[in-house]
PDB file of N, CA and C in Angstrom:
ATOM      1  N   MET A   1       0.858  -1.175   0.000  1.00  0.00           N
ATOM      2  CA  MET A   1       0.000   0.000   0.000  1.00  0.00           C
ATOM      3  C   MET A   1       0.897   1.228   0.000  1.00  0.00           C
ATOM      4  N   ASP A   2       0.611   2.165  -0.895  1.00  0.00           N
ATOM      5  CA  ASP A   2       1.460   3.349  -0.934  1.00  0.00           C
ATOM      6  C   ASP A   2       1.159   4.261   0.253  1.00  0.00           C
ATOM      7  N   ASN A   3       2.063   5.188   0.503  1.00  0.00           N
ATOM      8  CA  ASN A   3       1.994   6.046   1.674  1.00  0.00           C
ATOM      9  C   ASN A   3       0.705   6.864   1.722  1.00  0.00           C
ATOM     10  N   PHE A   4       0.276   7.390   0.576  1.00  0.00           N
ATOM     11  CA  PHE A   4      -0.947   8.192   0.536  1.00  0.00           C
ATOM     12  C   PHE A   4      -2.156   7.365   0.950  1.00  0.00           C
ATOM     13  N   LYS A   5      -2.282   6.164   0.386  1.00  0.00           N
ATOM     14  CA  LYS A   5      -3.415   5.296   0.719  1.00  0.00           C
ATOM     15  C   LYS A   5      -3.374   4.876   2.183  1.00  0.00           C
ATOM     16  N   GLU A   6      -2.183   4.604   2.676  1.00  0.00           N
ATOM     17  CA  GLU A   6      -2.047   4.218   4.070  1.00  0.00           C
ATOM     18  C   GLU A   6      -2.450   5.368   4.996  1.00  0.00           C
ATOM     19  N   ASN A   7      -2.025   6.586   4.670  1.00  0.00           N
ATOM     20  CA  ASN A   7      -2.400   7.746   5.479  1.00  0.00           C
ATOM     21  C   ASN A   7      -3.907   7.991   5.434  1.00  0.00           C
ATOM     22  N   LEU A   8      -4.502   7.832   4.270  1.00  0.00           N
ATOM     23  CA  LEU A   8      -5.950   7.992   4.134  1.00  0.00           C
ATOM     24  C   LEU A   8      -6.688   6.949   4.966  1.00  0.00           C
ATOM     25  N   ARG A   9      -6.227   5.711   4.889  1.00  0.00           N
ATOM     26  CA  ARG A   9      -6.836   4.632   5.676  1.00  0.00           C
ATOM     27  C   ARG A   9      -6.702   4.928   7.170  1.00  0.00           C
ATOM     28  N   ASN A  10      -5.503   5.327   7.604  1.00  0.00           N
ATOM     29  CA  ASN A  10      -5.293   5.635   9.022  1.00  0.00           C
ATOM     30  C   ASN A  10      -6.181   6.785   9.480  1.00  0.00           C
ATOM     31  N   ARG A  11      -6.328   7.806   8.647  1.00  0.00           N
ATOM     32  CA  ARG A  11      -7.193   8.937   8.983  1.00  0.00           C
ATOM     33  C   ARG A  11      -8.631   8.463   9.180  1.00  0.00           C
ATOM     34  N   GLU A  12      -9.109   7.614   8.283  1.00  0.00           N
ATOM     35  CA  GLU A  12     -10.468   7.084   8.389  1.00  0.00           C
ATOM     36  C   GLU A  12     -10.623   6.220   9.636  1.00  0.00           C
ATOM     37  N   LEU A  13      -9.630   5.384   9.910  1.00  0.00           N
ATOM     38  CA  LEU A  13      -9.692   4.551  11.109  1.00  0.00           C
ATOM     39  C   LEU A  13      -9.725   5.406  12.373  1.00  0.00           C
ATOM     40  N   VAL A  14      -8.939   6.462  12.401  1.00  0.00           N
ATOM     41  CA  VAL A  14      -8.946   7.373  13.551  1.00  0.00           C
ATOM     42  C   VAL A  14     -10.320   8.023  13.687  1.00  0.00           C
ATOM     43  N   ASN A  15     -10.902   8.451  12.568  1.00  0.00           N
ATOM     44  CA  ASN A  15     -12.242   9.056  12.628  1.00  0.00           C
ATOM     45  C   ASN A  15     -13.282   8.079  13.161  1.00  0.00           C
ATOM     46  N   ILE A  16     -13.159   6.823  12.792  1.00  0.00           N
ATOM     47  CA  ILE A  16     -14.137   5.819  13.210  1.00  0.00           C
ATOM     48  C   ILE A  16     -13.948   5.417  14.671  1.00  0.00           C
ATOM     49  N   TYR A  17     -12.727   5.146  15.078  1.00  0.00           N
ATOM     50  CA  TYR A  17     -12.470   4.495  16.359  1.00  0.00           C
ATOM     51  C   TYR A  17     -11.853   5.363  17.454  1.00  0.00           C
ATOM     52  N   SER A  18     -11.492   6.597  17.179  1.00  0.00           N
ATOM     53  CA  SER A  18     -10.731   7.365  18.176  1.00  0.00           C
ATOM     54  C   SER A  18     -11.491   7.570  19.479  1.00  0.00           C
ATOM     55  N   SER A  19     -12.806   7.581  19.428  1.00  0.00           N
ATOM     56  CA  SER A  19     -13.571   7.781  20.666  1.00  0.00           C
ATOM     57  C   SER A  19     -13.420   6.608  21.633  1.00  0.00           C
ATOM     58  N   LEU A  20     -12.846   5.493  21.163  1.00  0.00           N
ATOM     59  CA  LEU A  20     -12.626   4.326  22.020  1.00  0.00           C
ATOM     60  C   LEU A  20     -11.258   4.362  22.703  1.00  0.00           C
ATOM     61  N   LEU A  21     -10.473   5.376  22.409  1.00  0.00           N
ATOM     62  CA  LEU A  21      -9.128   5.517  22.977  1.00  0.00           C
ATOM     63  C   LEU A  21      -9.144   6.456  24.168  1.00  0.00           C
ATOM     64  N   THR A  22      -7.997   6.547  24.856  1.00  0.00           N
ATOM     65  CA  THR A  22      -7.878   7.549  25.912  1.00  0.00           C
ATOM     66  C   THR A  22      -7.929   8.936  25.267  1.00  0.00           C
ATOM     67  N   LYS A  23      -8.258   9.922  26.048  1.00  0.00           N
ATOM     68  CA  LYS A  23      -8.341  11.285  25.523  1.00  0.00           C
ATOM     69  C   LYS A  23      -6.996  11.723  24.934  1.00  0.00           C
ATOM     70  N   THR A  24      -5.913  11.391  25.594  1.00  0.00           N
ATOM     71  CA  THR A  24      -4.578  11.769  25.107  1.00  0.00           C
ATOM     72  C   THR A  24      -4.276  11.097  23.773  1.00  0.00           C
ATOM     73  N   GLN A  25      -4.506   9.779  23.683  1.00  0.00           N
ATOM     74  CA  GLN A  25      -4.272   9.074  22.422  1.00  0.00           C
ATOM     75  C   GLN A  25      -5.150   9.646  21.316  1.00  0.00           C
ATOM     76  N   GLN A  26      -6.388   9.913  21.642  1.00  0.00           N
ATOM     77  CA  GLN A  26      -7.332  10.470  20.665  1.00  0.00           C
ATOM     78  C   GLN A  26      -6.798  11.795  20.122  1.00  0.00           C
ATOM     79  N   GLU A  27      -6.389  12.685  20.989  1.00  0.00           N
ATOM     80  CA  GLU A  27      -5.904  14.003  20.572  1.00  0.00           C
ATOM     81  C   GLU A  27      -4.624  13.890  19.742  1.00  0.00           C
ATOM     82  N   ILE A  28      -3.714  13.046  20.174  1.00  0.00           N
ATOM     83  CA  ILE A  28      -2.441  12.900  19.456  1.00  0.00           C
ATOM     84  C   ILE A  28      -2.684  12.305  18.068  1.00  0.00           C
ATOM     85  N   LEU A  29      -3.498  11.259  17.982  1.00  0.00           N
ATOM     86  CA  LEU A  29      -3.768  10.639  16.680  1.00  0.00           C
ATOM     87  C   LEU A  29      -4.500  11.612  15.750  1.00  0.00           C
ATOM     88  N   GLU A  30      -5.426  12.372  16.281  1.00  0.00           N
ATOM     89  CA  GLU A  30      -6.117  13.367  15.453  1.00  0.00           C
ATOM     90  C   GLU A  30      -5.154  14.441  14.979  1.00  0.00           C
ATOM     91  N   ASP A  31      -4.286  14.908  15.868  1.00  0.00           N
ATOM     92  CA  ASP A  31      -3.289  15.903  15.467  1.00  0.00           C
ATOM     93  C   ASP A  31      -2.404  15.362  14.341  1.00  0.00           C
ATOM     94  N   TYR A  32      -1.988  14.114  14.479  1.00  0.00           N
ATOM     95  CA  TYR A  32      -1.045  13.520  13.529  1.00  0.00           C
ATOM     96  C   TYR A  32      -1.709  13.159  12.200  1.00  0.00           C
ATOM     97  N   PHE A  33      -2.823  12.450  12.259  1.00  0.00           N
ATOM     98  CA  PHE A  33      -3.433  11.955  11.022  1.00  0.00           C
ATOM     99  C   PHE A  33      -4.454  12.915  10.405  1.00  0.00           C
ATOM    100  N   CYS A  34      -5.189  13.634  11.228  1.00  0.00           N
ATOM    101  CA  CYS A  34      -6.241  14.499  10.685  1.00  0.00           C
ATOM    102  C   CYS A  34      -5.766  15.928  10.437  1.00  0.00           C
ATOM    103  N   TYR A  35      -4.885  16.442  11.315  1.00  0.00           N
ATOM    104  CA  TYR A  35      -4.407  17.812  11.169  1.00  0.00           C
ATOM    105  C   TYR A  35      -2.987  17.871  10.595  1.00  0.00           C
ATOM    106  N   ASP A  36      -2.415  16.711  10.334  1.00  0.00           N
ATOM    107  CA  ASP A  36      -1.121  16.597   9.666  1.00  0.00           C
ATOM    108  C   ASP A  36       0.006  17.332  10.398  1.00  0.00           C
ATOM    109  N   LEU A  37      -0.038  17.312  11.725  1.00  0.00           N
ATOM    110  CA  LEU A  37       1.051  17.902  12.502  1.00  0.00           C
ATOM    111  C   LEU A  37       2.193  16.902  12.600  1.00  0.00           C
ATOM    112  N   SER A  38       3.404  17.394  12.649  1.00  0.00           N
ATOM    113  CA  SER A  38       4.570  16.523  12.773  1.00  0.00           C
ATOM    114  C   SER A  38       4.708  16.052  14.225  1.00  0.00           C
ATOM    115  N   LEU A  39       5.545  15.033  14.406  1.00  0.00           N
ATOM    116  CA  LEU A  39       5.808  14.553  15.762  1.00  0.00           C
ATOM    117  C   LEU A  39       6.367  15.678  16.629  1.00  0.00           C
ATOM    118  N   GLY A  40       7.275  16.455  16.052  1.00  0.00           N
ATOM    119  CA  GLY A  40       7.868  17.572  16.783  1.00  0.00           C
ATOM    120  C   GLY A  40       6.852  18.632  17.174  1.00  0.00           C
ATOM    121  N   GLU A  41       5.940  18.946  16.264  1.00  0.00           N
ATOM    122  CA  GLU A  41       4.906  19.943  16.565  1.00  0.00           C
ATOM    123  C   GLU A  41       3.983  19.464  17.688  1.00  0.00           C
ATOM    124  N   ILE A  42       3.587  18.208  17.603  1.00  0.00           N
ATOM    125  CA  ILE A  42       2.716  17.654  18.640  1.00  0.00           C
ATOM    126  C   ILE A  42       3.445  17.634  19.980  1.00  0.00           C
ATOM    127  N   ALA A  43       4.698  17.203  19.963  1.00  0.00           N
ATOM    128  CA  ALA A  43       5.490  17.150  21.193  1.00  0.00           C
ATOM    129  C   ALA A  43       5.631  18.540  21.810  1.00  0.00           C
ATOM    130  N   SER A  44       5.910  19.526  20.976  1.00  0.00           N
ATOM    131  CA  SER A  44       6.060  20.899  21.462  1.00  0.00           C
ATOM    132  C   SER A  44       4.747  21.423  22.045  1.00  0.00           C
ATOM    133  N   ASN A  45       3.643  21.176  21.352  1.00  0.00           N
ATOM    134  CA  ASN A  45       2.326  21.635  21.824  1.00  0.00           C
ATOM    135  C   ASN A  45       1.940  20.987  23.153  1.00  0.00           C
ATOM    136  N   ARG A  46       2.370  19.769  23.375  1.00  0.00           N
ATOM    137  CA  ARG A  46       1.980  19.022  24.578  1.00  0.00           C
ATOM    138  C   ARG A  46       3.073  19.038  25.649  1.00  0.00           C
ATOM    139  N   ASP A  47       4.221  19.633  25.320  1.00  0.00           N
ATOM    140  CA  ASP A  47       5.358  19.702  26.235  1.00  0.00           C
ATOM    141  C   ASP A  47       5.811  18.307  26.675  1.00  0.00           C
ATOM    142  N   VAL A  48       5.955  17.418  25.670  1.00  0.00           N
ATOM    143  CA  VAL A  48       6.464  16.059  25.892  1.00  0.00           C
ATOM    144  C   VAL A  48       7.527  15.780  24.831  1.00  0.00           C
ATOM    145  N   SER A  49       8.182  14.648  24.942  1.00  0.00           N
ATOM    146  CA  SER A  49       9.218  14.296  23.969  1.00  0.00           C
ATOM    147  C   SER A  49       8.593  13.743  22.685  1.00  0.00           C
ATOM    148  N   ARG A  50       9.388  13.805  21.610  1.00  0.00           N
ATOM    149  CA  ARG A  50       8.959  13.212  20.339  1.00  0.00           C
ATOM    150  C   ARG A  50       8.706  11.721  20.499  1.00  0.00           C
ATOM    151  N   SER A  51       9.547  11.070  21.282  1.00  0.00           N
ATOM    152  CA  SER A  51       9.387   9.625  21.464  1.00  0.00           C
ATOM    153  C   SER A  51       8.100   9.292  22.214  1.00  0.00           C
ATOM    154  N   ALA A  52       7.682  10.168  23.121  1.00  0.00           N
ATOM    155  CA  ALA A  52       6.410   9.951  23.823  1.00  0.00           C
ATOM    156  C   ALA A  52       5.241  10.050  22.831  1.00  0.00           C
ATOM    157  N   VAL A  53       5.332  10.995  21.920  1.00  0.00           N
ATOM    158  CA  VAL A  53       4.294  11.150  20.895  1.00  0.00           C
ATOM    159  C   VAL A  53       4.298   9.936  19.972  1.00  0.00           C
ATOM    160  N   GLU A  54       5.478   9.549  19.533  1.00  0.00           N
ATOM    161  CA  GLU A  54       5.596   8.396  18.644  1.00  0.00           C
ATOM    162  C   GLU A  54       5.037   7.136  19.316  1.00  0.00           C
ATOM    163  N   ASP A  55       5.320   6.975  20.586  1.00  0.00           N
ATOM    164  CA  ASP A  55       4.825   5.821  21.345  1.00  0.00           C
ATOM    165  C   ASP A  55       3.297   5.859  21.451  1.00  0.00           C
ATOM    166  N   ALA A  56       2.737   7.035  21.706  1.00  0.00           N
ATOM    167  CA  ALA A  56       1.280   7.166  21.804  1.00  0.00           C
ATOM    168  C   ALA A  56       0.615   6.835  20.468  1.00  0.00           C
ATOM    169  N   ILE A  57       1.241   7.245  19.371  1.00  0.00           N
ATOM    170  CA  ILE A  57       0.697   6.948  18.037  1.00  0.00           C
ATOM    171  C   ILE A  57       0.740   5.441  17.781  1.00  0.00           C
ATOM    172  N   LYS A  58       1.869   4.816  18.089  1.00  0.00           N
ATOM    173  CA  LYS A  58       1.997   3.372  17.870  1.00  0.00           C
ATOM    174  C   LYS A  58       0.984   2.594  18.706  1.00  0.00           C
ATOM    175  N   LYS A  59       0.864   2.940  19.977  1.00  0.00           N
ATOM    176  CA  LYS A  59      -0.069   2.227  20.851  1.00  0.00           C
ATOM    177  C   LYS A  59      -1.519   2.487  20.439  1.00  0.00           C
ATOM    178  N   GLY A  60      -1.818   3.723  20.103  1.00  0.00           N
ATOM    179  CA  GLY A  60      -3.179   4.064  19.677  1.00  0.00           C
ATOM    180  C   GLY A  60      -3.568   3.351  18.396  1.00  0.00           C
ATOM    181  N   MET A  61      -2.646   3.327  17.433  1.00  0.00           N
ATOM    182  CA  MET A  61      -2.947   2.656  16.162  1.00  0.00           C
ATOM    183  C   MET A  61      -3.037   1.140  16.344  1.00  0.00           C
ATOM    184  N   LYS A  62      -2.273   0.600  17.276  1.00  0.00           N
ATOM    185  CA  LYS A  62      -2.376  -0.841  17.553  1.00  0.00           C
ATOM    186  C   LYS A  62      -3.776  -1.165  18.081  1.00  0.00           C
ATOM    187  N   LYS A  63      -4.279  -0.324  18.978  1.00  0.00           N
ATOM    188  CA  LYS A  63      -5.644  -0.518  19.494  1.00  0.00           C
ATOM    189  C   LYS A  63      -6.664  -0.383  18.369  1.00  0.00           C
ATOM    190  N   ILE A  64      -6.499   0.649  17.562  1.00  0.00           N
ATOM    191  CA  ILE A  64      -7.439   0.902  16.465  1.00  0.00           C
ATOM    192  C   ILE A  64      -7.426  -0.255  15.470  1.00  0.00           C
ATOM    193  N   GLU A  65      -6.255  -0.759  15.147  1.00  0.00           N
ATOM    194  CA  GLU A  65      -6.158  -1.899  14.226  1.00  0.00           C
ATOM    195  C   GLU A  65      -6.866  -3.118  14.828  1.00  0.00           C
ATOM    196  N   GLY A  66      -6.769  -3.282  16.135  1.00  0.00           N
ATOM    197  CA  GLY A  66      -7.477  -4.370  16.814  1.00  0.00           C
ATOM    198  C   GLY A  66      -8.980  -4.215  16.710  1.00  0.00           C
ATOM    199  N   PHE A  67      -9.458  -2.972  16.905  1.00  0.00           N
ATOM    200  CA  PHE A  67     -10.895  -2.712  16.766  1.00  0.00           C
ATOM    201  C   PHE A  67     -11.360  -3.020  15.352  1.00  0.00           C
ATOM    202  N   GLU A  68     -10.586  -2.586  14.372  1.00  0.00           N
ATOM    203  CA  GLU A  68     -10.957  -2.816  12.969  1.00  0.00           C
ATOM    204  C   GLU A  68     -10.925  -4.300  12.643  1.00  0.00           C
ATOM    205  N   GLN A  69      -9.962  -5.006  13.189  1.00  0.00           N
ATOM    206  CA  GLN A  69      -9.873  -6.439  12.936  1.00  0.00           C
ATOM    207  C   GLN A  69     -11.116  -7.161  13.473  1.00  0.00           C
ATOM    208  N   GLU A  70     -11.623  -6.702  14.599  1.00  0.00           N
ATOM    209  CA  GLU A  70     -12.810  -7.321  15.195  1.00  0.00           C
ATOM    210  C   GLU A  70     -14.111  -6.837  14.555  1.00  0.00           C
ATOM    211  N   LEU A  71     -14.228  -5.534  14.346  1.00  0.00           N
ATOM    212  CA  LEU A  71     -15.505  -4.949  13.915  1.00  0.00           C
ATOM    213  C   LEU A  71     -15.630  -4.758  12.405  1.00  0.00           C
ATOM    214  N   ARG A  72     -14.516  -4.506  11.735  1.00  0.00           N
ATOM    215  CA  ARG A  72     -14.471  -4.339  10.275  1.00  0.00           C
ATOM    216  C   ARG A  72     -15.383  -3.215   9.754  1.00  0.00           C
ATOM    217  N   ILE A  73     -15.523  -2.149  10.512  1.00  0.00           N
ATOM    218  CA  ILE A  73     -16.374  -1.032  10.098  1.00  0.00           C
ATOM    219  C   ILE A  73     -15.815  -0.359   8.854  1.00  0.00           C
ATOM    220  N   TYR A  74     -14.521  -0.097   8.848  1.00  0.00           N
ATOM    221  CA  TYR A  74     -13.905   0.551   7.691  1.00  0.00           C
ATOM    222  C   TYR A  74     -14.028  -0.328   6.451  1.00  0.00           C
ATOM    223  N   GLU A  75     -13.729  -1.595   6.611  1.00  0.00           N
ATOM    224  CA  GLU A  75     -13.808  -2.531   5.491  1.00  0.00           C
ATOM    225  C   GLU A  75     -15.242  -2.596   4.935  1.00  0.00           C
ATOM    226  N   LYS A  76     -16.223  -2.650   5.832  1.00  0.00           N
ATOM    227  CA  LYS A  76     -17.629  -2.704   5.400  1.00  0.00           C
ATOM    228  C   LYS A  76     -18.041  -1.401   4.706  1.00  0.00           C
ATOM    229  N   ARG A  77     -17.556  -0.285   5.223  1.00  0.00           N
ATOM    230  CA  ARG A  77     -17.860   1.011   4.606  1.00  0.00           C
ATOM    231  C   ARG A  77     -17.336   1.061   3.177  1.00  0.00           C
ATOM    232  N   LEU A  78     -16.103   0.581   2.969  1.00  0.00           N
ATOM    233  CA  LEU A  78     -15.541   0.557   1.616  1.00  0.00           C
ATOM    234  C   LEU A  78     -16.369  -0.322   0.694  1.00  0.00           C
ATOM    235  N   LYS A  79     -16.801  -1.462   1.197  1.00  0.00           N
ATOM    236  CA  LYS A  79     -17.593  -2.388   0.391  1.00  0.00           C
ATOM    237  C   LYS A  79     -18.928  -1.750  -0.005  1.00  0.00           C
ATOM    238  N   VAL A  80     -19.594  -1.077   0.928  1.00  0.00           N
ATOM    239  CA  VAL A  80     -20.866  -0.413   0.627  1.00  0.00           C
ATOM    240  C   VAL A  80     -20.659   0.691  -0.407  1.00  0.00           C
ATOM    241  N   LEU A  81     -19.584   1.451  -0.268  1.00  0.00           N
ATOM    242  CA  LEU A  81     -19.308   2.509  -1.244  1.00  0.00           C
ATOM    243  C   LEU A  81     -19.013   1.932  -2.621  1.00  0.00           C
ATOM    244  N   GLU A  82     -18.330   0.802  -2.659  1.00  0.00           N
ATOM    245  CA  GLU A  82     -18.047   0.126  -3.923  1.00  0.00           C
ATOM    246  C   GLU A  82     -19.354  -0.341  -4.576  1.00  0.00           C
ATOM    247  N   ILE A  83     -20.239  -0.915  -3.784  1.00  0.00           N
ATOM    248  CA  ILE A  83     -21.525  -1.395  -4.300  1.00  0.00           C
ATOM    249  C   ILE A  83     -22.378  -0.227  -4.791  1.00  0.00           C
ATOM    250  N   THR A  84     -22.393   0.864  -4.044  1.00  0.00           N
ATOM    251  CA  THR A  84     -23.200   2.011  -4.478  1.00  0.00           C
ATOM    252  C   THR A  84     -22.642   2.630  -5.750  1.00  0.00           C
ATOM    253  N   ALA A  85     -21.322   2.596  -5.910  1.00  0.00           N
ATOM    254  CA  ALA A  85     -20.739   3.114  -7.155  1.00  0.00           C
ATOM    255  C   ALA A  85     -21.195   2.271  -8.339  1.00  0.00           C
ATOM    256  N   LYS A  86     -21.241   0.952  -8.167  1.00  0.00           N
ATOM    257  CA  LYS A  86     -21.739   0.077  -9.230  1.00  0.00           C
ATOM    258  C   LYS A  86     -23.219   0.329  -9.495  1.00  0.00           C
ATOM    259  N   MET A  87     -23.976   0.511  -8.425  1.00  0.00           N
ATOM    260  CA  MET A  87     -25.411   0.784  -8.572  1.00  0.00           C
ATOM    261  C   MET A  87     -25.638   2.096  -9.310  1.00  0.00           C
ATOM    262  N   ARG A  88     -24.828   3.087  -8.974  1.00  0.00           N
ATOM    263  CA  ARG A  88     -24.963   4.408  -9.593  1.00  0.00           C
ATOM    264  C   ARG A  88     -24.791   4.313 -11.107  1.00  0.00           C
ATOM    265  N   SER A  89     -23.880   3.471 -11.542  1.00  0.00           N
ATOM    266  CA  SER A  89     -23.627   3.352 -12.982  1.00  0.00           C
ATOM    267  C   SER A  89     -24.737   2.581 -13.705  1.00  0.00           C
ATOM    268  N   LYS A  90     -25.523   1.825 -12.952  1.00  0.00           N
ATOM    269  CA  LYS A  90     -26.565   1.001 -13.562  1.00  0.00           C
ATOM    270  C   LYS A  90     -27.980   1.487 -13.289  1.00  0.00           C
ATOM    271  N   SER A  91     -28.144   2.395 -12.364  1.00  0.00           N
ATOM    272  CA  SER A  91     -29.482   2.753 -11.905  1.00  0.00           C
ATOM    273  C   SER A  91     -29.902   4.136 -12.370  1.00  0.00           C
ATOM    274  N   GLU A  92     -31.201   4.285 -12.472  1.00  0.00           N
ATOM    275  CA  GLU A  92     -31.783   5.584 -12.804  1.00  0.00           C
ATOM    276  C   GLU A  92     -32.230   6.315 -11.535  1.00  0.00           C
ATOM    277  N   ASN A  93     -32.428   5.568 -10.447  1.00  0.00           N
ATOM    278  CA  ASN A  93     -32.933   6.152  -9.211  1.00  0.00           C
ATOM    279  C   ASN A  93     -31.767   6.573  -8.314  1.00  0.00           C
ATOM    280  N   LEU A  94     -31.228   7.739  -8.588  1.00  0.00           N
ATOM    281  CA  LEU A  94     -30.052   8.219  -7.865  1.00  0.00           C
ATOM    282  C   LEU A  94     -30.372   8.656  -6.445  1.00  0.00           C
ATOM    283  N   GLU A  95     -31.610   9.020  -6.174  1.00  0.00           N
ATOM    284  CA  GLU A  95     -31.975   9.490  -4.837  1.00  0.00           C
ATOM    285  C   GLU A  95     -31.758   8.394  -3.789  1.00  0.00           C
ATOM    286  N   GLU A  96     -32.159   7.168  -4.078  1.00  0.00           N
ATOM    287  CA  GLU A  96     -31.958   6.057  -3.142  1.00  0.00           C
ATOM    288  C   GLU A  96     -30.475   5.788  -2.925  1.00  0.00           C
ATOM    289  N   ILE A  97     -29.708   5.845  -3.981  1.00  0.00           N
ATOM    290  CA  ILE A  97     -28.266   5.601  -3.876  1.00  0.00           C
ATOM    291  C   ILE A  97     -27.610   6.694  -3.051  1.00  0.00           C
ATOM    292  N   GLU A  98     -27.995   7.939  -3.244  1.00  0.00           N
ATOM    293  CA  GLU A  98     -27.429   9.048  -2.488  1.00  0.00           C
ATOM    294  C   GLU A  98     -27.762   8.920  -1.007  1.00  0.00           C
ATOM    295  N   GLN A  99     -28.973   8.442  -0.691  1.00  0.00           N
ATOM    296  CA  GLN A  99     -29.337   8.222   0.698  1.00  0.00           C
ATOM    297  C   GLN A  99     -28.453   7.154   1.329  1.00  0.00           C
ATOM    298  N   LEU A 100     -28.201   6.085   0.615  1.00  0.00           N
ATOM    299  CA  LEU A 100     -27.336   5.020   1.097  1.00  0.00           C
ATOM    300  C   LEU A 100     -25.909   5.532   1.304  1.00  0.00           C
ATOM    301  N   GLU A 101     -25.415   6.330   0.390  1.00  0.00           N
ATOM    302  CA  GLU A 101     -24.065   6.886   0.506  1.00  0.00           C
ATOM    303  C   GLU A 101     -23.958   7.796   1.723  1.00  0.00           C
ATOM    304  N   ARG A 102     -24.991   8.568   2.023  1.00  0.00           N
ATOM    305  CA  ARG A 102     -24.977   9.458   3.199  1.00  0.00           C
ATOM    306  C   ARG A 102     -24.894   8.647   4.498  1.00  0.00           C
ATOM    307  N   VAL A 103     -25.507   7.475   4.510  1.00  0.00           N
ATOM    308  CA  VAL A 103     -25.497   6.642   5.708  1.00  0.00           C
ATOM    309  C   VAL A 103     -24.092   6.172   6.038  1.00  0.00           C
ATOM    310  N   VAL A 104     -23.324   5.797   5.036  1.00  0.00           N
ATOM    311  CA  VAL A 104     -21.991   5.236   5.294  1.00  0.00           C
ATOM    312  C   VAL A 104     -20.909   6.301   5.445  1.00  0.00           C
ATOM    313  N   LYS A 105     -21.188   7.540   5.192  1.00  0.00           N
ATOM    314  CA  LYS A 105     -20.163   8.588   5.329  1.00  0.00           C
ATOM    315  C   LYS A 105     -20.180   9.203   6.690  1.00  0.00           C
TER     316      LYS A 105
END
């Protein structure tokens, strides 16, 4: 998986599962993946070391990967979006498809 796709996937996983993490892990992962802050920027903002930030990201993502492995919310969301894209190309009733797409976003 290329770096862009991996970052996009991680951002989506953080959006889905971050509320299941500690507040600190949630904030650090959001800063890193959603706001694109560097390890140094996050460390400076929180007055901690870069290694502490890196450790929080690793531990948080390990938890998130575990949640995804069990629940498969991200995987299911991708599958639904793939199916709706196929439906969109074959269907005349776009309103129903748009409603389905809104549910999974």
